[in-house]
Amino acid sequence: MGTMQENDGKRKTFIAIAGNIGVGKTTLTRILMERRQWQGFLEKEVFNPYLADFYGDMKRWAFHSQLFFLKERLKDHLRIQQSAATCVQDRTIYEDAEIFARNLFERDMMEERDYACYTDFYQAIAAALKPPDLIVYLRASIWTLISRIRSRGRDYEQNIDKEYLAQLNIAYDRWAKRMAEEHHVLVIETDEFNVYNDEAWLQGIVDRILTAL
């Protein structure tokens, strides 16, 4: 992957923070924004007008919710490509399509014609995008994810299906391996740490990312 130049002559890079629901992507993204003064692009899930309906009836609202995420992620990705600064993104457009939408289709939660339309749209978009220079993949077990989801207290997430999280974890591991064949992927295990306030560990992750870059 190539890099572009910042205005001060340093390398401009695109760092993507990837991982399952509740793993700590937003927390790490905010830390990198604050400590490195990188331009951040946070996930807009709290603004998704379909999300609460989706968690209540996945099959009815899967296509609508995923299409919303796809168009929002595309807008952010294009802003990143146009930016002169180093950027860090909370979840990528690739995850939306290759993990979440695919998982919903495989679970019979998205109709075949909707998935075909979505996939065709995504592939046309992806072919024109510059991929991240570094993908940071945060991993956690199902029970760790559930604990973190409960602790952040979003009402629409409290009854999230454990099987759904487990299938996403499997899909994420496969996706990360595929991405690592062509791109730079840094895998970080998070089970043993408090992603919100373990200061020493968090600084260690920042250092690992800087080393990887």
C-alpha atoms as a PDB file:
ATOM      1  CA  MET A   1       0.000   0.000   0.000  1.00  0.00           C
ATOM      2  CA  GLY A   2       1.253   3.431  -0.804  1.00  0.00           C
ATOM      3  CA  THR A   3       1.203   6.444   1.475  1.00  0.00           C
ATOM      4  CA  MET A   4       0.592  10.100   0.694  1.00  0.00           C
ATOM      5  CA  GLN A   5       2.485  13.052   2.095  1.00  0.00           C
ATOM      6  CA  GLU A   6       1.308  15.354   4.844  1.00  0.00           C
ATOM      7  CA  ASN A   7       1.810  19.103   4.457  1.00  0.00           C
ATOM      8  CA  ASP A   8       4.827  19.058   6.800  1.00  0.00           C
ATOM      9  CA  GLY A   9       6.598  16.434   4.725  1.00  0.00           C
ATOM     10  CA  LYS A  10       5.840  13.489   7.015  1.00  0.00           C
ATOM     11  CA  ARG A  11       4.029  10.459   5.691  1.00  0.00           C
ATOM     12  CA  LYS A  12       0.261  10.608   5.674  1.00  0.00           C
ATOM     13  CA  THR A  13      -1.250   7.245   6.584  1.00  0.00           C
ATOM     14  CA  PHE A  14      -4.688   5.677   6.883  1.00  0.00           C
ATOM     15  CA  ILE A  15      -5.181   3.480   9.950  1.00  0.00           C
ATOM     16  CA  ALA A  16      -8.348   1.390  10.290  1.00  0.00           C
ATOM     17  CA  ILE A  17      -9.533  -0.017  13.626  1.00  0.00           C
ATOM     18  CA  ALA A  18     -11.465  -3.242  12.990  1.00  0.00           C
ATOM     19  CA  GLY A  19     -13.289  -5.679  15.247  1.00  0.00           C
ATOM     20  CA  ASN A  20     -16.558  -7.071  16.519  1.00  0.00           C
ATOM     21  CA  ILE A  21     -19.326  -5.163  18.309  1.00  0.00           C
ATOM     22  CA  GLY A  22     -18.168  -3.970  21.730  1.00  0.00           C
ATOM     23  CA  VAL A  23     -14.501  -4.887  21.334  1.00  0.00           C
ATOM     24  CA  GLY A  24     -13.213  -1.337  21.954  1.00  0.00           C
ATOM     25  CA  LYS A  25     -12.751   0.178  18.497  1.00  0.00           C
ATOM     26  CA  THR A  26     -14.198   3.570  19.365  1.00  0.00           C
ATOM     27  CA  THR A  27     -12.161   3.806  22.562  1.00  0.00           C
ATOM     28  CA  LEU A  28      -8.909   3.115  20.717  1.00  0.00           C
ATOM     29  CA  THR A  29      -9.847   5.466  17.881  1.00  0.00           C
ATOM     30  CA  ARG A  30     -10.468   8.309  20.346  1.00  0.00           C
ATOM     31  CA  ILE A  31      -7.163   7.638  22.107  1.00  0.00           C
ATOM     32  CA  LEU A  32      -5.266   7.814  18.817  1.00  0.00           C
ATOM     33  CA  MET A  33      -7.079  11.034  17.933  1.00  0.00           C
ATOM     34  CA  GLU A  34      -6.175  12.590  21.277  1.00  0.00           C
ATOM     35  CA  ARG A  35      -2.599  11.364  21.672  1.00  0.00           C
ATOM     36  CA  ARG A  36      -1.428  11.600  18.072  1.00  0.00           C
ATOM     37  CA  GLN A  37      -3.700  14.424  16.870  1.00  0.00           C
ATOM     38  CA  TRP A  38      -4.812  12.220  14.004  1.00  0.00           C
ATOM     39  CA  GLN A  39      -8.024  13.021  12.197  1.00  0.00           C
ATOM     40  CA  GLY A  40     -10.661  10.579  13.403  1.00  0.00           C
ATOM     41  CA  PHE A  41     -13.712   9.079  11.735  1.00  0.00           C
ATOM     42  CA  LEU A  42     -15.988   7.487  14.312  1.00  0.00           C
ATOM     43  CA  GLU A  43     -18.684   4.935  13.603  1.00  0.00           C
ATOM     44  CA  LYS A  44     -22.098   6.538  13.226  1.00  0.00           C
ATOM     45  CA  GLU A  45     -24.107   3.622  14.588  1.00  0.00           C
ATOM     46  CA  VAL A  46     -25.938   5.747  17.172  1.00  0.00           C
ATOM     47  CA  PHE A  47     -27.334   7.845  14.305  1.00  0.00           C
ATOM     48  CA  ASN A  48     -28.513   4.894  12.218  1.00  0.00           C
ATOM     49  CA  PRO A  49     -32.312   5.355  12.102  1.00  0.00           C
ATOM     50  CA  TYR A  50     -32.797   1.638  11.388  1.00  0.00           C
ATOM     51  CA  LEU A  51     -30.561   0.146  14.083  1.00  0.00           C
ATOM     52  CA  ALA A  52     -33.044  -0.228  16.950  1.00  0.00           C
ATOM     53  CA  ASP A  53     -35.556  -1.771  14.512  1.00  0.00           C
ATOM     54  CA  PHE A  54     -32.831  -4.056  13.182  1.00  0.00           C
ATOM     55  CA  TYR A  55     -32.024  -5.488  16.606  1.00  0.00           C
ATOM     56  CA  GLY A  56     -35.753  -6.050  17.132  1.00  0.00           C
ATOM     57  CA  ASP A  57     -36.367  -7.736  13.751  1.00  0.00           C
ATOM     58  CA  MET A  58     -33.144  -8.464  11.859  1.00  0.00           C
ATOM     59  CA  LYS A  59     -34.741 -10.030   8.805  1.00  0.00           C
ATOM     60  CA  ARG A  60     -37.121  -7.116   8.266  1.00  0.00           C
ATOM     61  CA  TRP A  61     -34.497  -4.362   8.618  1.00  0.00           C
ATOM     62  CA  ALA A  62     -31.156  -5.948   7.657  1.00  0.00           C
ATOM     63  CA  PHE A  63     -30.960  -4.528   4.136  1.00  0.00           C
ATOM     64  CA  HIS A  64     -31.983  -1.027   5.231  1.00  0.00           C
ATOM     65  CA  SER A  65     -29.538  -0.922   8.121  1.00  0.00           C
ATOM     66  CA  GLN A  66     -26.609  -2.275   6.111  1.00  0.00           C
ATOM     67  CA  LEU A  67     -27.241   0.103   3.223  1.00  0.00           C
ATOM     68  CA  PHE A  68     -27.211   3.018   5.664  1.00  0.00           C
ATOM     69  CA  PHE A  69     -23.869   1.887   7.103  1.00  0.00           C
ATOM     70  CA  LEU A  70     -22.421   1.374   3.628  1.00  0.00           C
ATOM     71  CA  LYS A  71     -23.252   4.880   2.408  1.00  0.00           C
ATOM     72  CA  GLU A  72     -21.974   6.475   5.635  1.00  0.00           C
ATOM     73  CA  ARG A  73     -18.731   4.482   5.503  1.00  0.00           C
ATOM     74  CA  LEU A  74     -18.254   5.433   1.850  1.00  0.00           C
ATOM     75  CA  LYS A  75     -18.621   9.120   2.709  1.00  0.00           C
ATOM     76  CA  ASP A  76     -16.009   8.791   5.460  1.00  0.00           C
ATOM     77  CA  HIS A  77     -13.637   6.787   3.258  1.00  0.00           C
ATOM     78  CA  LEU A  78     -13.773   9.455   0.565  1.00  0.00           C
ATOM     79  CA  ARG A  79     -13.085  12.151   3.165  1.00  0.00           C
ATOM     80  CA  ILE A  80     -10.068  10.163   4.329  1.00  0.00           C
ATOM     81  CA  GLN A  81      -8.725   9.919   0.785  1.00  0.00           C
ATOM     82  CA  GLN A  82      -9.135  13.659   0.335  1.00  0.00           C
ATOM     83  CA  SER A  83      -7.610  14.598   3.697  1.00  0.00           C
ATOM     84  CA  ALA A  84      -4.037  15.880   3.986  1.00  0.00           C
ATOM     85  CA  ALA A  85      -3.738  14.482   7.523  1.00  0.00           C
ATOM     86  CA  THR A  86      -3.103  11.028   8.937  1.00  0.00           C
ATOM     87  CA  CYS A  87      -6.520   9.486   9.561  1.00  0.00           C
ATOM     88  CA  VAL A  88      -7.869   6.768  11.848  1.00  0.00           C
ATOM     89  CA  GLN A  89     -11.237   5.147  11.153  1.00  0.00           C
ATOM     90  CA  ASP A  90     -13.524   3.269  13.526  1.00  0.00           C
ATOM     91  CA  ARG A  91     -14.581   0.235  11.407  1.00  0.00           C
ATOM     92  CA  THR A  92     -14.206   0.085   7.621  1.00  0.00           C
ATOM     93  CA  ILE A  93     -16.443  -0.217   4.621  1.00  0.00           C
ATOM     94  CA  TYR A  94     -14.875  -3.649   4.002  1.00  0.00           C
ATOM     95  CA  GLU A  95     -16.200  -4.994   7.319  1.00  0.00           C
ATOM     96  CA  ASP A  96     -19.697  -3.737   6.608  1.00  0.00           C
ATOM     97  CA  ALA A  97     -19.927  -5.730   3.402  1.00  0.00           C
ATOM     98  CA  GLU A  98     -17.606  -8.690   3.845  1.00  0.00           C
ATOM     99  CA  ILE A  99     -18.562  -9.512   7.435  1.00  0.00           C
ATOM    100  CA  PHE A 100     -21.883  -8.010   8.521  1.00  0.00           C
ATOM    101  CA  ALA A 101     -23.912  -8.096   5.309  1.00  0.00           C
ATOM    102  CA  ARG A 102     -22.484 -11.476   4.326  1.00  0.00           C
ATOM    103  CA  ASN A 103     -23.230 -12.941   7.761  1.00  0.00           C
ATOM    104  CA  LEU A 104     -26.820 -11.712   7.617  1.00  0.00           C
ATOM    105  CA  PHE A 105     -27.309 -13.262   4.200  1.00  0.00           C
ATOM    106  CA  GLU A 106     -25.786 -16.581   5.285  1.00  0.00           C
ATOM    107  CA  ARG A 107     -28.120 -16.610   8.307  1.00  0.00           C
ATOM    108  CA  ASP A 108     -31.113 -16.048   6.003  1.00  0.00           C
ATOM    109  CA  MET A 109     -31.629 -12.601   7.513  1.00  0.00           C
ATOM    110  CA  MET A 110     -31.307 -10.808   4.159  1.00  0.00           C
ATOM    111  CA  GLU A 111     -33.137 -11.781   0.999  1.00  0.00           C
ATOM    112  CA  GLU A 112     -31.044 -13.037  -1.894  1.00  0.00           C
ATOM    113  CA  ARG A 113     -32.092 -10.243  -4.272  1.00  0.00           C
ATOM    114  CA  ASP A 114     -31.293  -7.582  -1.640  1.00  0.00           C
ATOM    115  CA  TYR A 115     -27.905  -9.127  -0.919  1.00  0.00           C
ATOM    116  CA  ALA A 116     -27.081  -9.383  -4.627  1.00  0.00           C
ATOM    117  CA  CYS A 117     -27.934  -5.706  -5.130  1.00  0.00           C
ATOM    118  CA  TYR A 118     -25.945  -4.701  -2.047  1.00  0.00           C
ATOM    119  CA  THR A 119     -22.900  -6.780  -3.044  1.00  0.00           C
ATOM    120  CA  ASP A 120     -22.857  -5.475  -6.609  1.00  0.00           C
ATOM    121  CA  PHE A 121     -22.994  -1.896  -5.299  1.00  0.00           C
ATOM    122  CA  TYR A 122     -20.238  -2.566  -2.752  1.00  0.00           C
ATOM    123  CA  GLN A 123     -17.869  -4.208  -5.245  1.00  0.00           C
ATOM    124  CA  ALA A 124     -18.199  -1.288  -7.653  1.00  0.00           C
ATOM    125  CA  ILE A 125     -17.369   1.092  -4.806  1.00  0.00           C
ATOM    126  CA  ALA A 126     -14.496  -0.937  -3.335  1.00  0.00           C
ATOM    127  CA  ALA A 127     -12.689  -1.144  -6.666  1.00  0.00           C
ATOM    128  CA  ALA A 128     -12.257   2.626  -6.651  1.00  0.00           C
ATOM    129  CA  LEU A 129     -11.092   3.038  -3.045  1.00  0.00           C
ATOM    130  CA  LYS A 130      -7.599   3.272  -1.573  1.00  0.00           C
ATOM    131  CA  PRO A 131      -7.291   0.645   1.193  1.00  0.00           C
ATOM    132  CA  PRO A 132      -5.903   1.418   4.661  1.00  0.00           C
ATOM    133  CA  ASP A 133      -2.135   1.434   5.186  1.00  0.00           C
ATOM    134  CA  LEU A 134      -2.644  -0.465   8.444  1.00  0.00           C
ATOM    135  CA  ILE A 135      -5.595  -2.478   9.753  1.00  0.00           C
ATOM    136  CA  VAL A 136      -5.618  -2.921  13.541  1.00  0.00           C
ATOM    137  CA  TYR A 137      -7.807  -5.937  14.319  1.00  0.00           C
ATOM    138  CA  LEU A 138      -9.012  -6.046  17.935  1.00  0.00           C
ATOM    139  CA  ARG A 139     -10.034  -9.551  19.066  1.00  0.00           C
ATOM    140  CA  ALA A 140     -12.099 -10.678  22.076  1.00  0.00           C
ATOM    141  CA  SER A 141     -14.099 -13.706  23.203  1.00  0.00           C
ATOM    142  CA  ILE A 142     -17.885 -13.700  23.145  1.00  0.00           C
ATOM    143  CA  TRP A 143     -18.177 -13.291  26.919  1.00  0.00           C
ATOM    144  CA  THR A 144     -15.785 -10.362  26.909  1.00  0.00           C
ATOM    145  CA  LEU A 145     -17.818  -8.713  24.159  1.00  0.00           C
ATOM    146  CA  ILE A 146     -21.080  -9.255  26.026  1.00  0.00           C
ATOM    147  CA  SER A 147     -19.604  -7.778  29.206  1.00  0.00           C
ATOM    148  CA  ARG A 148     -18.406  -4.682  27.365  1.00  0.00           C
ATOM    149  CA  ILE A 149     -21.696  -4.283  25.488  1.00  0.00           C
ATOM    150  CA  ARG A 150     -23.633  -4.403  28.753  1.00  0.00           C
ATOM    151  CA  SER A 151     -21.290  -1.967  30.469  1.00  0.00           C
ATOM    152  CA  ARG A 152     -21.727   0.709  27.782  1.00  0.00           C
ATOM    153  CA  GLY A 153     -25.478   0.563  28.272  1.00  0.00           C
ATOM    154  CA  ARG A 154     -26.966   1.039  24.816  1.00  0.00           C
ATOM    155  CA  ASP A 155     -30.581  -0.098  25.207  1.00  0.00           C
ATOM    156  CA  TYR A 156     -30.927  -1.581  21.730  1.00  0.00           C
ATOM    157  CA  GLU A 157     -27.829  -3.783  22.264  1.00  0.00           C
ATOM    158  CA  GLN A 158     -28.752  -5.332  25.618  1.00  0.00           C
ATOM    159  CA  ASN A 159     -30.526  -8.358  24.137  1.00  0.00           C
ATOM    160  CA  ILE A 160     -28.086  -8.924  21.300  1.00  0.00           C
ATOM    161  CA  ASP A 161     -27.969 -12.544  20.143  1.00  0.00           C
ATOM    162  CA  LYS A 162     -24.906 -14.416  21.472  1.00  0.00           C
ATOM    163  CA  GLU A 163     -24.945 -16.674  18.424  1.00  0.00           C
ATOM    164  CA  TYR A 164     -24.852 -13.587  16.215  1.00  0.00           C
ATOM    165  CA  LEU A 165     -21.725 -12.337  18.023  1.00  0.00           C
ATOM    166  CA  ALA A 166     -20.110 -15.776  17.785  1.00  0.00           C
ATOM    167  CA  GLN A 167     -20.701 -15.965  14.047  1.00  0.00           C
ATOM    168  CA  LEU A 168     -19.289 -12.469  13.616  1.00  0.00           C
ATOM    169  CA  ASN A 169     -16.165 -13.482  15.536  1.00  0.00           C
ATOM    170  CA  ILE A 170     -15.620 -16.417  13.193  1.00  0.00           C
ATOM    171  CA  ALA A 171     -16.208 -14.197  10.172  1.00  0.00           C
ATOM    172  CA  TYR A 172     -13.780 -11.580  11.505  1.00  0.00           C
ATOM    173  CA  ASP A 173     -10.995 -14.124  11.975  1.00  0.00           C
ATOM    174  CA  ARG A 174     -11.427 -15.380   8.414  1.00  0.00           C
ATOM    175  CA  TRP A 175     -11.600 -11.841   7.047  1.00  0.00           C
ATOM    176  CA  ALA A 176      -8.440 -10.760   8.889  1.00  0.00           C
ATOM    177  CA  LYS A 177      -6.528 -13.715   7.456  1.00  0.00           C
ATOM    178  CA  ARG A 178      -7.691 -12.852   3.944  1.00  0.00           C
ATOM    179  CA  MET A 179      -6.774  -9.202   4.371  1.00  0.00           C
ATOM    180  CA  ALA A 180      -3.344 -10.103   5.729  1.00  0.00           C
ATOM    181  CA  GLU A 181      -2.514 -11.805   2.433  1.00  0.00           C
ATOM    182  CA  GLU A 182      -2.394  -8.422   0.678  1.00  0.00           C
ATOM    183  CA  HIS A 183      -2.468  -5.768   3.390  1.00  0.00           C
ATOM    184  CA  HIS A 184      -0.752  -4.879   6.657  1.00  0.00           C
ATOM    185  CA  VAL A 185      -2.832  -6.289   9.548  1.00  0.00           C
ATOM    186  CA  LEU A 186      -1.926  -5.935  13.242  1.00  0.00           C
ATOM    187  CA  VAL A 187      -3.871  -8.349  15.488  1.00  0.00           C
ATOM    188  CA  ILE A 188      -4.355  -7.314  19.131  1.00  0.00           C
ATOM    189  CA  GLU A 189      -5.846  -9.631  21.763  1.00  0.00           C
ATOM    190  CA  THR A 190      -7.987  -7.701  24.252  1.00  0.00           C
ATOM    191  CA  ASP A 191      -9.537 -10.322  26.568  1.00  0.00           C
ATOM    192  CA  GLU A 192      -7.108  -9.851  29.436  1.00  0.00           C
ATOM    193  CA  PHE A 193      -7.291  -6.074  29.558  1.00  0.00           C
ATOM    194  CA  ASN A 194      -9.710  -3.287  30.413  1.00  0.00           C
ATOM    195  CA  VAL A 195      -9.938  -1.404  27.140  1.00  0.00           C
ATOM    196  CA  TYR A 196     -11.388   1.659  28.860  1.00  0.00           C
ATOM    197  CA  ASN A 197      -8.874   2.462  31.597  1.00  0.00           C
ATOM    198  CA  ASP A 198      -5.836   0.156  31.535  1.00  0.00           C
ATOM    199  CA  GLU A 199      -3.470   3.029  30.831  1.00  0.00           C
ATOM    200  CA  ALA A 200      -0.252   1.041  30.501  1.00  0.00           C
ATOM    201  CA  TRP A 201      -1.823  -1.433  28.087  1.00  0.00           C
ATOM    202  CA  LEU A 202      -3.443   1.297  26.012  1.00  0.00           C
ATOM    203  CA  GLN A 203      -0.160   3.159  25.655  1.00  0.00           C
ATOM    204  CA  GLY A 204       1.454  -0.118  24.658  1.00  0.00           C
ATOM    205  CA  ILE A 205      -1.094  -0.507  21.873  1.00  0.00           C
ATOM    206  CA  VAL A 206      -0.398   3.016  20.644  1.00  0.00           C
ATOM    207  CA  ASP A 207       3.326   2.185  20.598  1.00  0.00           C
ATOM    208  CA  ARG A 208       2.689  -1.058  18.681  1.00  0.00           C
ATOM    209  CA  ILE A 209       0.697   0.831  16.067  1.00  0.00           C
ATOM    210  CA  LEU A 210       3.423   3.422  15.641  1.00  0.00           C
ATOM    211  CA  THR A 211       6.014   0.657  15.298  1.00  0.00           C
ATOM    212  CA  ALA A 212       3.874  -1.116  12.709  1.00  0.00           C
ATOM    213  CA  LEU A 213       3.638   2.084  10.687  1.00  0.00           C
END
